[in-house]
Structures are given as structure tokens and as C-alpha cells.
Amino acid sequence: MTGSQDDRGREPVPDLASLLRLIDRSAYRDQLADVQGRRRLVFEALASHENPMWREIGEQLRDGRMEIRDVLRVQAYWEKVQQGLAEHGEEFRQAAIDAKEQLEREEAERRERER
């Protein structure tokens, strides 16, 4: 575990500003800077999800039949998002921590190569 711990003894989620600084200096910068590209990746992932509700949401977003804000307006979709966050919140938290650690390793390797 790196850094300080949260009140449950877990590594804290990296703050958004530090993640963005690392991304800005990474090889992923251009790919992640492309808002439409990011959305396409997410929408396609949802559209091919095994769960029919996620698939329906993803297909509508991907095909332009629905905007992201519309997910909040459809009660069944909003409940699905809340359920997903409740069920997978720890996975998201760990993914953010892992992403920060990977970006830090890659930045250190890049600096080493530049010496």
C-alpha cells in the first residue's frame, strides 16, 4: 500500500488533479483527450455488455438515440447506475488507484530513458 490510508485502512483514491497531471504527461494523453473517442469506447463497451439493461443503455447512447443526461431521467436506467455503483464501487476505487500507480511507473520509466 502506498500513501496514507483512509478511515477504513485502505489506500485513498487518488485526487482527480493528480491523475490528470499524470495523464497529461503520459502516452495516453491524446487518446484520452479525445472526448468523442472516449465516449465511443464506453458506449461500445456498454452496448456489448452481457447484462441486457446495460446493453440497451449502451446501444441507445452509441446510436445517438439518447444523451448521457437521459440516463438520469429514465428511472430504470438511473436505478441500474446506482446499483452498479453500489455493487462495483470498490472495483472502481481500485481501478483509479491502479491507474495512478501505472501512470507513475510509466512516467518514471520515461524519465529514466531520457537521462
PDB file of N, CA and C in Angstrom:
ATOM      1  N   MET A   1       0.841  -1.175   0.000  1.00  0.00           N
ATOM      2  CA  MET A   1       0.000   0.000   0.000  1.00  0.00           C
ATOM      3  C   MET A   1       0.886   1.238   0.000  1.00  0.00           C
ATOM      4  N   THR A   2       0.540   2.214  -0.822  1.00  0.00           N
ATOM      5  CA  THR A   2       1.324   3.450  -0.884  1.00  0.00           C
ATOM      6  C   THR A   2       0.510   4.596  -0.325  1.00  0.00           C
ATOM      7  N   GLY A   3       1.189   5.611   0.168  1.00  0.00           N
ATOM      8  CA  GLY A   3       0.496   6.796   0.659  1.00  0.00           C
ATOM      9  C   GLY A   3      -0.218   6.537   1.970  1.00  0.00           C
ATOM     10  N   SER A   4      -0.999   7.518   2.409  1.00  0.00           N
ATOM     11  CA  SER A   4      -1.748   7.367   3.646  1.00  0.00           C
ATOM     12  C   SER A   4      -2.990   6.524   3.399  1.00  0.00           C
ATOM     13  N   GLN A   5      -3.610   6.112   4.491  1.00  0.00           N
ATOM     14  CA  GLN A   5      -4.788   5.261   4.390  1.00  0.00           C
ATOM     15  C   GLN A   5      -6.043   6.052   4.709  1.00  0.00           C
ATOM     16  N   ASP A   6      -7.188   5.546   4.220  1.00  0.00           N
ATOM     17  CA  ASP A   6      -8.449   6.190   4.569  1.00  0.00           C
ATOM     18  C   ASP A   6      -8.899   5.680   5.937  1.00  0.00           C
ATOM     19  N   ASP A   7     -10.087   6.073   6.376  1.00  0.00           N
ATOM     20  CA  ASP A   7     -10.553   5.698   7.710  1.00  0.00           C
ATOM     21  C   ASP A   7     -10.850   4.208   7.853  1.00  0.00           C
ATOM     22  N   ARG A   8     -10.873   3.461   6.748  1.00  0.00           N
ATOM     23  CA  ARG A   8     -11.064   2.012   6.811  1.00  0.00           C
ATOM     24  C   ARG A   8      -9.759   1.268   6.553  1.00  0.00           C
ATOM     25  N   GLY A   9      -8.637   1.982   6.601  1.00  0.00           N
ATOM     26  CA  GLY A   9      -7.344   1.337   6.419  1.00  0.00           C
ATOM     27  C   GLY A   9      -6.990   1.024   4.982  1.00  0.00           C
ATOM     28  N   ARG A  10      -7.732   1.602   4.044  1.00  0.00           N
ATOM     29  CA  ARG A  10      -7.479   1.363   2.627  1.00  0.00           C
ATOM     30  C   ARG A  10      -6.689   2.516   2.045  1.00  0.00           C
ATOM     31  N   GLU A  11      -5.993   2.227   0.955  1.00  0.00           N
ATOM     32  CA  GLU A  11      -5.296   3.291   0.235  1.00  0.00           C
ATOM     33  C   GLU A  11      -6.342   4.261  -0.309  1.00  0.00           C
ATOM     34  N   PRO A  12      -6.142   5.565  -0.130  1.00  0.00           N
ATOM     35  CA  PRO A  12      -7.140   6.526  -0.615  1.00  0.00           C
ATOM     36  C   PRO A  12      -7.161   6.603  -2.140  1.00  0.00           C
ATOM     37  N   VAL A  13      -8.315   6.941  -2.666  1.00  0.00           N
ATOM     38  CA  VAL A  13      -8.457   7.143  -4.106  1.00  0.00           C
ATOM     39  C   VAL A  13      -7.651   8.381  -4.478  1.00  0.00           C
ATOM     40  N   PRO A  14      -6.881   8.303  -5.569  1.00  0.00           N
ATOM     41  CA  PRO A  14      -6.098   9.482  -5.983  1.00  0.00           C
ATOM     42  C   PRO A  14      -7.018  10.648  -6.319  1.00  0.00           C
ATOM     43  N   ASP A  15      -6.557  11.844  -6.003  1.00  0.00           N
ATOM     44  CA  ASP A  15      -7.365  13.005  -6.351  1.00  0.00           C
ATOM     45  C   ASP A  15      -7.312  13.209  -7.863  1.00  0.00           C
ATOM     46  N   LEU A  16      -8.372  13.779  -8.394  1.00  0.00           N
ATOM     47  CA  LEU A  16      -8.524  13.957  -9.832  1.00  0.00           C
ATOM     48  C   LEU A  16      -7.403  14.803 -10.423  1.00  0.00           C
ATOM     49  N   ALA A  17      -6.993  15.838  -9.727  1.00  0.00           N
ATOM     50  CA  ALA A  17      -5.948  16.724 -10.255  1.00  0.00           C
ATOM     51  C   ALA A  17      -4.638  15.964 -10.477  1.00  0.00           C
ATOM     52  N   SER A  18      -4.264  15.101  -9.542  1.00  0.00           N
ATOM     53  CA  SER A  18      -3.006  14.364  -9.719  1.00  0.00           C
ATOM     54  C   SER A  18      -3.124  13.354 -10.862  1.00  0.00           C
ATOM     55  N   LEU A  19      -4.280  12.719 -10.992  1.00  0.00           N
ATOM     56  CA  LEU A  19      -4.475  11.804 -12.124  1.00  0.00           C
ATOM     57  C   LEU A  19      -4.378  12.553 -13.450  1.00  0.00           C
ATOM     58  N   LEU A  20      -5.012  13.704 -13.533  1.00  0.00           N
ATOM     59  CA  LEU A  20      -4.993  14.475 -14.780  1.00  0.00           C
ATOM     60  C   LEU A  20      -3.581  14.935 -15.132  1.00  0.00           C
ATOM     61  N   ARG A  21      -2.800  15.337 -14.124  1.00  0.00           N
ATOM     62  CA  ARG A  21      -1.411  15.726 -14.395  1.00  0.00           C
ATOM     63  C   ARG A  21      -0.615  14.551 -14.945  1.00  0.00           C
ATOM     64  N   LEU A  22      -0.813  13.372 -14.363  1.00  0.00           N
ATOM     65  CA  LEU A  22      -0.102  12.190 -14.852  1.00  0.00           C
ATOM     66  C   LEU A  22      -0.538  11.830 -16.270  1.00  0.00           C
ATOM     67  N   ILE A  23      -1.830  11.895 -16.528  1.00  0.00           N
ATOM     68  CA  ILE A  23      -2.347  11.585 -17.863  1.00  0.00           C
ATOM     69  C   ILE A  23      -1.790  12.568 -18.882  1.00  0.00           C
ATOM     70  N   ASP A  24      -1.727  13.838 -18.512  1.00  0.00           N
ATOM     71  CA  ASP A  24      -1.241  14.863 -19.431  1.00  0.00           C
ATOM     72  C   ASP A  24       0.207  14.603 -19.858  1.00  0.00           C
ATOM     73  N   ARG A  25       0.974  13.930 -19.025  1.00  0.00           N
ATOM     74  CA  ARG A  25       2.368  13.628 -19.342  1.00  0.00           C
ATOM     75  C   ARG A  25       2.551  12.202 -19.848  1.00  0.00           C
ATOM     76  N   SER A  26       1.462  11.506 -20.108  1.00  0.00           N
ATOM     77  CA  SER A  26       1.554  10.090 -20.489  1.00  0.00           C
ATOM     78  C   SER A  26       1.356   9.876 -21.991  1.00  0.00           C
ATOM     79  N   ALA A  27       1.627   8.651 -22.409  1.00  0.00           N
ATOM     80  CA  ALA A  27       1.408   8.257 -23.803  1.00  0.00           C
ATOM     81  C   ALA A  27      -0.085   8.195 -24.141  1.00  0.00           C
ATOM     82  N   TYR A  28      -0.939   8.195 -23.130  1.00  0.00           N
ATOM     83  CA  TYR A  28      -2.387   8.088 -23.332  1.00  0.00           C
ATOM     84  C   TYR A  28      -3.051   9.449 -23.513  1.00  0.00           C
ATOM     85  N   ARG A  29      -2.263  10.500 -23.405  1.00  0.00           N
ATOM     86  CA  ARG A  29      -2.809  11.860 -23.410  1.00  0.00           C
ATOM     87  C   ARG A  29      -3.739  12.126 -24.596  1.00  0.00           C
ATOM     88  N   ASP A  30      -3.253  11.904 -25.796  1.00  0.00           N
ATOM     89  CA  ASP A  30      -4.058  12.226 -26.981  1.00  0.00           C
ATOM     90  C   ASP A  30      -5.316  11.377 -27.053  1.00  0.00           C
ATOM     91  N   GLN A  31      -5.169  10.099 -26.737  1.00  0.00           N
ATOM     92  CA  GLN A  31      -6.329   9.199 -26.778  1.00  0.00           C
ATOM     93  C   GLN A  31      -7.386   9.633 -25.753  1.00  0.00           C
ATOM     94  N   LEU A  32      -6.953   9.970 -24.547  1.00  0.00           N
ATOM     95  CA  LEU A  32      -7.901  10.358 -23.504  1.00  0.00           C
ATOM     96  C   LEU A  32      -8.412  11.780 -23.680  1.00  0.00           C
ATOM     97  N   ALA A  33      -7.696  12.600 -24.423  1.00  0.00           N
ATOM     98  CA  ALA A  33      -8.143  13.969 -24.678  1.00  0.00           C
ATOM     99  C   ALA A  33      -9.290  14.013 -25.680  1.00  0.00           C
ATOM    100  N   ASP A  34      -9.438  12.953 -26.451  1.00  0.00           N
ATOM    101  CA  ASP A  34     -10.486  12.880 -27.464  1.00  0.00           C
ATOM    102  C   ASP A  34     -11.809  12.473 -26.807  1.00  0.00           C
ATOM    103  N   VAL A  35     -12.631  13.469 -26.466  1.00  0.00           N
ATOM    104  CA  VAL A  35     -13.888  13.222 -25.761  1.00  0.00           C
ATOM    105  C   VAL A  35     -14.775  12.259 -26.543  1.00  0.00           C
ATOM    106  N   GLN A  36     -14.929  12.497 -27.827  1.00  0.00           N
ATOM    107  CA  GLN A  36     -15.786  11.628 -28.634  1.00  0.00           C
ATOM    108  C   GLN A  36     -15.243  10.201 -28.682  1.00  0.00           C
ATOM    109  N   GLY A  37     -13.937  10.075 -28.776  1.00  0.00           N
ATOM    110  CA  GLY A  37     -13.317   8.753 -28.788  1.00  0.00           C
ATOM    111  C   GLY A  37     -13.553   8.003 -27.487  1.00  0.00           C
ATOM    112  N   ARG A  38     -13.406   8.713 -26.373  1.00  0.00           N
ATOM    113  CA  ARG A  38     -13.665   8.091 -25.058  1.00  0.00           C
ATOM    114  C   ARG A  38     -15.109   7.644 -24.961  1.00  0.00           C
ATOM    115  N   ARG A  39     -15.998   8.496 -25.389  1.00  0.00           N
ATOM    116  CA  ARG A  39     -17.420   8.140 -25.326  1.00  0.00           C
ATOM    117  C   ARG A  39     -17.722   6.921 -26.194  1.00  0.00           C
ATOM    118  N   ARG A  40     -17.148   6.900 -27.396  1.00  0.00           N
ATOM    119  CA  ARG A  40     -17.380   5.743 -28.272  1.00  0.00           C
ATOM    120  C   ARG A  40     -16.931   4.454 -27.595  1.00  0.00           C
ATOM    121  N   LEU A  41     -15.760   4.482 -26.962  1.00  0.00           N
ATOM    122  CA  LEU A  41     -15.258   3.286 -26.278  1.00  0.00           C
ATOM    123  C   LEU A  41     -16.204   2.830 -25.167  1.00  0.00           C
ATOM    124  N   VAL A  42     -16.664   3.784 -24.367  1.00  0.00           N
ATOM    125  CA  VAL A  42     -17.564   3.447 -23.263  1.00  0.00           C
ATOM    126  C   VAL A  42     -18.909   2.962 -23.798  1.00  0.00           C
ATOM    127  N   PHE A  43     -19.458   3.666 -24.770  1.00  0.00           N
ATOM    128  CA  PHE A  43     -20.763   3.291 -25.309  1.00  0.00           C
ATOM    129  C   PHE A  43     -20.699   1.911 -25.956  1.00  0.00           C
ATOM    130  N   GLU A  44     -19.623   1.639 -26.662  1.00  0.00           N
ATOM    131  CA  GLU A  44     -19.474   0.327 -27.306  1.00  0.00           C
ATOM    132  C   GLU A  44     -19.331  -0.776 -26.262  1.00  0.00           C
ATOM    133  N   ALA A  45     -18.588  -0.492 -25.199  1.00  0.00           N
ATOM    134  CA  ALA A  45     -18.447  -1.478 -24.118  1.00  0.00           C
ATOM    135  C   ALA A  45     -19.801  -1.773 -23.481  1.00  0.00           C
ATOM    136  N   LEU A  46     -20.581  -0.732 -23.245  1.00  0.00           N
ATOM    137  CA  LEU A  46     -21.918  -0.943 -22.681  1.00  0.00           C
ATOM    138  C   LEU A  46     -22.811  -1.703 -23.665  1.00  0.00           C
ATOM    139  N   ALA A  47     -22.752  -1.340 -24.936  1.00  0.00           N
ATOM    140  CA  ALA A  47     -23.601  -1.977 -25.951  1.00  0.00           C
ATOM    141  C   ALA A  47     -23.292  -3.456 -26.121  1.00  0.00           C
ATOM    142  N   SER A  48     -22.096  -3.876 -25.740  1.00  0.00           N
ATOM    143  CA  SER A  48     -21.751  -5.295 -25.864  1.00  0.00           C
ATOM    144  C   SER A  48     -21.750  -6.008 -24.505  1.00  0.00           C
ATOM    145  N   HIS A  49     -22.287  -5.349 -23.489  1.00  0.00           N
ATOM    146  CA  HIS A  49     -22.329  -5.914 -22.137  1.00  0.00           C
ATOM    147  C   HIS A  49     -23.262  -7.118 -22.087  1.00  0.00           C
ATOM    148  N   GLU A  50     -22.966  -8.042 -21.203  1.00  0.00           N
ATOM    149  CA  GLU A  50     -23.801  -9.243 -21.079  1.00  0.00           C
ATOM    150  C   GLU A  50     -25.150  -8.947 -20.429  1.00  0.00           C
ATOM    151  N   ASN A  51     -25.219  -7.887 -19.626  1.00  0.00           N
ATOM    152  CA  ASN A  51     -26.478  -7.533 -18.971  1.00  0.00           C
ATOM    153  C   ASN A  51     -27.367  -6.774 -19.959  1.00  0.00           C
ATOM    154  N   PRO A  52     -28.621  -7.229 -20.130  1.00  0.00           N
ATOM    155  CA  PRO A  52     -29.493  -6.593 -21.128  1.00  0.00           C
ATOM    156  C   PRO A  52     -29.779  -5.110 -20.879  1.00  0.00           C
ATOM    157  N   MET A  53     -29.864  -4.698 -19.612  1.00  0.00           N
ATOM    158  CA  MET A  53     -30.134  -3.287 -19.320  1.00  0.00           C
ATOM    159  C   MET A  53     -28.942  -2.419 -19.714  1.00  0.00           C
ATOM    160  N   TRP A  54     -27.716  -2.839 -19.363  1.00  0.00           N
ATOM    161  CA  TRP A  54     -26.523  -2.084 -19.780  1.00  0.00           C
ATOM    162  C   TRP A  54     -26.412  -2.068 -21.301  1.00  0.00           C
ATOM    163  N   ARG A  55     -26.720  -3.198 -21.917  1.00  0.00           N
ATOM    164  CA  ARG A  55     -26.651  -3.286 -23.382  1.00  0.00           C
ATOM    165  C   ARG A  55     -27.631  -2.297 -24.011  1.00  0.00           C
ATOM    166  N   GLU A  56     -28.847  -2.233 -23.485  1.00  0.00           N
ATOM    167  CA  GLU A  56     -29.854  -1.304 -24.005  1.00  0.00           C
ATOM    168  C   GLU A  56     -29.392   0.145 -23.856  1.00  0.00           C
ATOM    169  N   ILE A  57     -28.876   0.482 -22.695  1.00  0.00           N
ATOM    170  CA  ILE A  57     -28.365   1.836 -22.460  1.00  0.00           C
ATOM    171  C   ILE A  57     -27.238   2.143 -23.446  1.00  0.00           C
ATOM    172  N   GLY A  58     -26.288   1.221 -23.563  1.00  0.00           N
ATOM    173  CA  GLY A  58     -25.145   1.422 -24.450  1.00  0.00           C
ATOM    174  C   GLY A  58     -25.532   1.577 -25.902  1.00  0.00           C
ATOM    175  N   GLU A  59     -26.475   0.758 -26.352  1.00  0.00           N
ATOM    176  CA  GLU A  59     -26.916   0.840 -27.751  1.00  0.00           C
ATOM    177  C   GLU A  59     -27.559   2.192 -28.035  1.00  0.00           C
ATOM    178  N   GLN A  60     -28.378   2.654 -27.093  1.00  0.00           N
ATOM    179  CA  GLN A  60     -29.047   3.942 -27.305  1.00  0.00           C
ATOM    180  C   GLN A  60     -28.044   5.093 -27.296  1.00  0.00           C
ATOM    181  N   LEU A  61     -27.062   5.031 -26.389  1.00  0.00           N
ATOM    182  CA  LEU A  61     -26.031   6.069 -26.353  1.00  0.00           C
ATOM    183  C   LEU A  61     -25.178   6.011 -27.614  1.00  0.00           C
ATOM    184  N   ARG A  62     -24.740   4.823 -27.971  1.00  0.00           N
ATOM    185  CA  ARG A  62     -23.880   4.646 -29.149  1.00  0.00           C
ATOM    186  C   ARG A  62     -24.565   5.117 -30.423  1.00  0.00           C
ATOM    187  N   ASP A  63     -25.854   4.793 -30.553  1.00  0.00           N
ATOM    188  CA  ASP A  63     -26.589   5.115 -31.780  1.00  0.00           C
ATOM    189  C   ASP A  63     -27.149   6.533 -31.785  1.00  0.00           C
ATOM    190  N   GLY A  64     -26.915   7.301 -30.711  1.00  0.00           N
ATOM    191  CA  GLY A  64     -27.373   8.680 -30.657  1.00  0.00           C
ATOM    192  C   GLY A  64     -28.849   8.844 -30.361  1.00  0.00           C
ATOM    193  N   ARG A  65     -29.504   7.782 -29.933  1.00  0.00           N
ATOM    194  CA  ARG A  65     -30.929   7.870 -29.616  1.00  0.00           C
ATOM    195  C   ARG A  65     -31.168   8.411 -28.209  1.00  0.00           C
ATOM    196  N   MET A  66     -30.069   8.546 -27.452  1.00  0.00           N
ATOM    197  CA  MET A  66     -30.172   9.025 -26.085  1.00  0.00           C
ATOM    198  C   MET A  66     -28.871   9.752 -25.740  1.00  0.00           C
ATOM    199  N   GLU A  67     -28.989  10.799 -24.937  1.00  0.00           N
ATOM    200  CA  GLU A  67     -27.831  11.524 -24.421  1.00  0.00           C
ATOM    201  C   GLU A  67     -27.503  10.982 -23.031  1.00  0.00           C
ATOM    202  N   ILE A  68     -26.288  11.233 -22.564  1.00  0.00           N
ATOM    203  CA  ILE A  68     -25.888  10.749 -21.240  1.00  0.00           C
ATOM    204  C   ILE A  68     -26.850  11.247 -20.165  1.00  0.00           C
ATOM    205  N   ARG A  69     -27.239  12.507 -20.259  1.00  0.00           N
ATOM    206  CA  ARG A  69     -28.141  13.058 -19.235  1.00  0.00           C
ATOM    207  C   ARG A  69     -29.481  12.333 -19.194  1.00  0.00           C
ATOM    208  N   ASP A  70     -29.872  11.720 -20.318  1.00  0.00           N
ATOM    209  CA  ASP A  70     -31.141  10.992 -20.362  1.00  0.00           C
ATOM    210  C   ASP A  70     -31.119   9.744 -19.481  1.00  0.00           C
ATOM    211  N   VAL A  71     -29.933   9.213 -19.230  1.00  0.00           N
ATOM    212  CA  VAL A  71     -29.824   8.043 -18.352  1.00  0.00           C
ATOM    213  C   VAL A  71     -30.360   8.406 -16.968  1.00  0.00           C
ATOM    214  N   LEU A  72     -30.141   9.641 -16.552  1.00  0.00           N
ATOM    215  CA  LEU A  72     -30.616  10.084 -15.241  1.00  0.00           C
ATOM    216  C   LEU A  72     -32.120  10.317 -15.221  1.00  0.00           C
ATOM    217  N   ARG A  73     -32.702  10.528 -16.374  1.00  0.00           N
ATOM    218  CA  ARG A  73     -34.137  10.838 -16.457  1.00  0.00           C
ATOM    219  C   ARG A  73     -35.016   9.597 -16.526  1.00  0.00           C
ATOM    220  N   VAL A  74     -34.442   8.481 -16.946  1.00  0.00           N
ATOM    221  CA  VAL A  74     -35.213   7.236 -17.036  1.00  0.00           C
ATOM    222  C   VAL A  74     -34.991   6.474 -15.732  1.00  0.00           C
ATOM    223  N   GLN A  75     -36.047   6.336 -14.957  1.00  0.00           N
ATOM    224  CA  GLN A  75     -35.941   5.763 -13.610  1.00  0.00           C
ATOM    225  C   GLN A  75     -35.236   4.404 -13.602  1.00  0.00           C
ATOM    226  N   ALA A  76     -35.590   3.521 -14.510  1.00  0.00           N
ATOM    227  CA  ALA A  76     -34.979   2.182 -14.532  1.00  0.00           C
ATOM    228  C   ALA A  76     -33.477   2.263 -14.824  1.00  0.00           C
ATOM    229  N   TYR A  77     -33.088   3.179 -15.696  1.00  0.00           N
ATOM    230  CA  TYR A  77     -31.664   3.339 -16.018  1.00  0.00           C
ATOM    231  C   TYR A  77     -30.904   3.914 -14.820  1.00  0.00           C
ATOM    232  N   TRP A  78     -31.501   4.934 -14.200  1.00  0.00           N
ATOM    233  CA  TRP A  78     -30.852   5.559 -13.053  1.00  0.00           C
ATOM    234  C   TRP A  78     -30.679   4.542 -11.922  1.00  0.00           C
ATOM    235  N   GLU A  79     -31.690   3.724 -11.697  1.00  0.00           N
ATOM    236  CA  GLU A  79     -31.586   2.686 -10.672  1.00  0.00           C
ATOM    237  C   GLU A  79     -30.476   1.689 -11.016  1.00  0.00           C
ATOM    238  N   LYS A  80     -30.323   1.373 -12.292  1.00  0.00           N
ATOM    239  CA  LYS A  80     -29.261   0.461 -12.727  1.00  0.00           C
ATOM    240  C   LYS A  80     -27.889   1.073 -12.466  1.00  0.00           C
ATOM    241  N   VAL A  81     -27.736   2.362 -12.736  1.00  0.00           N
ATOM    242  CA  VAL A  81     -26.469   3.046 -12.465  1.00  0.00           C
ATOM    243  C   VAL A  81     -26.173   3.013 -10.972  1.00  0.00           C
ATOM    244  N   GLN A  82     -27.157   3.334 -10.156  1.00  0.00           N
ATOM    245  CA  GLN A  82     -26.961   3.319  -8.704  1.00  0.00           C
ATOM    246  C   GLN A  82     -26.609   1.915  -8.209  1.00  0.00           C
ATOM    247  N   GLN A  83     -27.288   0.916  -8.732  1.00  0.00           N
ATOM    248  CA  GLN A  83     -26.998  -0.472  -8.362  1.00  0.00           C
ATOM    249  C   GLN A  83     -25.561  -0.838  -8.752  1.00  0.00           C
ATOM    250  N   GLY A  84     -25.165  -0.445  -9.948  1.00  0.00           N
ATOM    251  CA  GLY A  84     -23.810  -0.732 -10.414  1.00  0.00           C
ATOM    252  C   GLY A  84     -22.757  -0.076  -9.546  1.00  0.00           C
ATOM    253  N   LEU A  85     -23.005   1.172  -9.157  1.00  0.00           N
ATOM    254  CA  LEU A  85     -22.065   1.870  -8.280  1.00  0.00           C
ATOM    255  C   LEU A  85     -21.977   1.190  -6.916  1.00  0.00           C
ATOM    256  N   ALA A  86     -23.131   0.764  -6.397  1.00  0.00           N
ATOM    257  CA  ALA A  86     -23.139   0.096  -5.093  1.00  0.00           C
ATOM    258  C   ALA A  86     -22.406  -1.254  -5.167  1.00  0.00           C
ATOM    259  N   GLU A  87     -22.614  -1.978  -6.246  1.00  0.00           N
ATOM    260  CA  GLU A  87     -22.010  -3.307  -6.389  1.00  0.00           C
ATOM    261  C   GLU A  87     -20.537  -3.256  -6.761  1.00  0.00           C
ATOM    262  N   HIS A  88     -20.137  -2.247  -7.529  1.00  0.00           N
ATOM    263  CA  HIS A  88     -18.780  -2.226  -8.078  1.00  0.00           C
ATOM    264  C   HIS A  88     -17.966  -1.012  -7.656  1.00  0.00           C
ATOM    265  N   GLY A  89     -18.433  -0.287  -6.665  1.00  0.00           N
ATOM    266  CA  GLY A  89     -17.725   0.906  -6.211  1.00  0.00           C
ATOM    267  C   GLY A  89     -16.298   0.623  -5.797  1.00  0.00           C
ATOM    268  N   GLU A  90     -16.077  -0.475  -5.108  1.00  0.00           N
ATOM    269  CA  GLU A  90     -14.721  -0.812  -4.665  1.00  0.00           C
ATOM    270  C   GLU A  90     -13.833  -1.134  -5.862  1.00  0.00           C
ATOM    271  N   GLU A  91     -14.386  -1.770  -6.886  1.00  0.00           N
ATOM    272  CA  GLU A  91     -13.613  -2.067  -8.090  1.00  0.00           C
ATOM    273  C   GLU A  91     -13.202  -0.770  -8.793  1.00  0.00           C
ATOM    274  N   PHE A  92     -14.113   0.192  -8.862  1.00  0.00           N
ATOM    275  CA  PHE A  92     -13.805   1.482  -9.479  1.00  0.00           C
ATOM    276  C   PHE A  92     -12.714   2.181  -8.682  1.00  0.00           C
ATOM    277  N   ARG A  93     -12.861   2.153  -7.358  1.00  0.00           N
ATOM    278  CA  ARG A  93     -11.870   2.760  -6.473  1.00  0.00           C
ATOM    279  C   ARG A  93     -10.502   2.151  -6.714  1.00  0.00           C
ATOM    280  N   GLN A  94     -10.436   0.841  -6.789  1.00  0.00           N
ATOM    281  CA  GLN A  94      -9.160   0.162  -7.000  1.00  0.00           C
ATOM    282  C   GLN A  94      -8.621   0.445  -8.402  1.00  0.00           C
ATOM    283  N   ALA A  95      -9.496   0.547  -9.385  1.00  0.00           N
ATOM    284  CA  ALA A  95      -9.052   0.861 -10.751  1.00  0.00           C
ATOM    285  C   ALA A  95      -8.399   2.239 -10.803  1.00  0.00           C
ATOM    286  N   ALA A  96      -8.951   3.205 -10.070  1.00  0.00           N
ATOM    287  CA  ALA A  96      -8.349   4.543 -10.035  1.00  0.00           C
ATOM    288  C   ALA A  96      -6.965   4.491  -9.383  1.00  0.00           C
ATOM    289  N   ILE A  97      -6.843   3.731  -8.307  1.00  0.00           N
ATOM    290  CA  ILE A  97      -5.550   3.580  -7.632  1.00  0.00           C
ATOM    291  C   ILE A  97      -4.555   2.899  -8.563  1.00  0.00           C
ATOM    292  N   ASP A  98      -4.982   1.814  -9.209  1.00  0.00           N
ATOM    293  CA  ASP A  98      -4.099   1.075 -10.127  1.00  0.00           C
ATOM    294  C   ASP A  98      -3.663   1.949 -11.298  1.00  0.00           C
ATOM    295  N   ALA A  99      -4.606   2.743 -11.830  1.00  0.00           N
ATOM    296  CA  ALA A  99      -4.273   3.613 -12.967  1.00  0.00           C
ATOM    297  C   ALA A  99      -3.210   4.626 -12.564  1.00  0.00           C
ATOM    298  N   LYS A 100      -3.365   5.218 -11.384  1.00  0.00           N
ATOM    299  CA  LYS A 100      -2.387   6.199 -10.929  1.00  0.00           C
ATOM    300  C   LYS A 100      -1.017   5.543 -10.768  1.00  0.00           C
ATOM    301  N   GLU A 101      -0.982   4.363 -10.174  1.00  0.00           N
ATOM    302  CA  GLU A 101       0.290   3.674  -9.981  1.00  0.00           C
ATOM    303  C   GLU A 101       0.943   3.325 -11.320  1.00  0.00           C
ATOM    304  N   GLN A 102       0.160   2.871 -12.287  1.00  0.00           N
ATOM    305  CA  GLN A 102       0.704   2.551 -13.609  1.00  0.00           C
ATOM    306  C   GLN A 102       1.255   3.790 -14.286  1.00  0.00           C
ATOM    307  N   LEU A 103       0.507   4.888 -14.232  1.00  0.00           N
ATOM    308  CA  LEU A 103       0.970   6.131 -14.845  1.00  0.00           C
ATOM    309  C   LEU A 103       2.254   6.623 -14.188  1.00  0.00           C
ATOM    310  N   GLU A 104       2.350   6.484 -12.875  1.00  0.00           N
ATOM    311  CA  GLU A 104       3.568   6.889 -12.178  1.00  0.00           C
ATOM    312  C   GLU A 104       4.762   6.025 -12.595  1.00  0.00           C
ATOM    313  N   ARG A 105       4.545   4.717 -12.730  1.00  0.00           N
ATOM    314  CA  ARG A 105       5.627   3.820 -13.184  1.00  0.00           C
ATOM    315  C   ARG A 105       6.076   4.193 -14.588  1.00  0.00           C
ATOM    316  N   GLU A 106       5.114   4.424 -15.484  1.00  0.00           N
ATOM    317  CA  GLU A 106       5.451   4.766 -16.866  1.00  0.00           C
ATOM    318  C   GLU A 106       6.180   6.105 -16.944  1.00  0.00           C
ATOM    319  N   GLU A 107       5.768   7.062 -16.115  1.00  0.00           N
ATOM    320  CA  GLU A 107       6.455   8.353 -16.104  1.00  0.00           C
ATOM    321  C   GLU A 107       7.891   8.183 -15.601  1.00  0.00           C
ATOM    322  N   ALA A 108       8.094   7.379 -14.568  1.00  0.00           N
ATOM    323  CA  ALA A 108       9.445   7.138 -14.046  1.00  0.00           C
ATOM    324  C   ALA A 108      10.309   6.451 -15.104  1.00  0.00           C
ATOM    325  N   GLU A 109       9.746   5.496 -15.828  1.00  0.00           N
ATOM    326  CA  GLU A 109      10.486   4.812 -16.895  1.00  0.00           C
ATOM    327  C   GLU A 109      10.847   5.784 -18.009  1.00  0.00           C
ATOM    328  N   ARG A 110       9.911   6.662 -18.370  1.00  0.00           N
ATOM    329  CA  ARG A 110      10.168   7.653 -19.414  1.00  0.00           C
ATOM    330  C   ARG A 110      11.302   8.588 -18.998  1.00  0.00           C
ATOM    331  N   ARG A 111      11.256   9.039 -17.763  1.00  0.00           N
ATOM    332  CA  ARG A 111      12.319   9.926 -17.266  1.00  0.00           C
ATOM    333  C   ARG A 111      13.670   9.210 -17.270  1.00  0.00           C
ATOM    334  N   GLU A 112      13.662   7.949 -16.906  1.00  0.00           N
ATOM    335  CA  GLU A 112      14.911   7.165 -16.895  1.00  0.00           C
ATOM    336  C   GLU A 112      15.485   7.045 -18.314  1.00  0.00           C
ATOM    337  N   ARG A 113      14.619   6.813 -19.293  1.00  0.00           N
ATOM    338  CA  ARG A 113      15.074   6.696 -20.692  1.00  0.00           C
ATOM    339  C   ARG A 113      15.622   8.015 -21.206  1.00  0.00           C
ATOM    340  N   GLU A 114      15.085   9.132 -20.716  1.00  0.00           N
ATOM    341  CA  GLU A 114      15.504  10.450 -21.190  1.00  0.00           C
ATOM    342  C   GLU A 114      16.839  10.883 -20.595  1.00  0.00           C
ATOM    343  N   ARG A 115      17.333  10.180 -19.619  1.00  0.00           N
ATOM    344  CA  ARG A 115      18.622  10.540 -18.984  1.00  0.00           C
ATOM    345  C   ARG A 115      19.778  10.217 -19.870  1.00  0.00           C
TER     346      ARG A 115
END
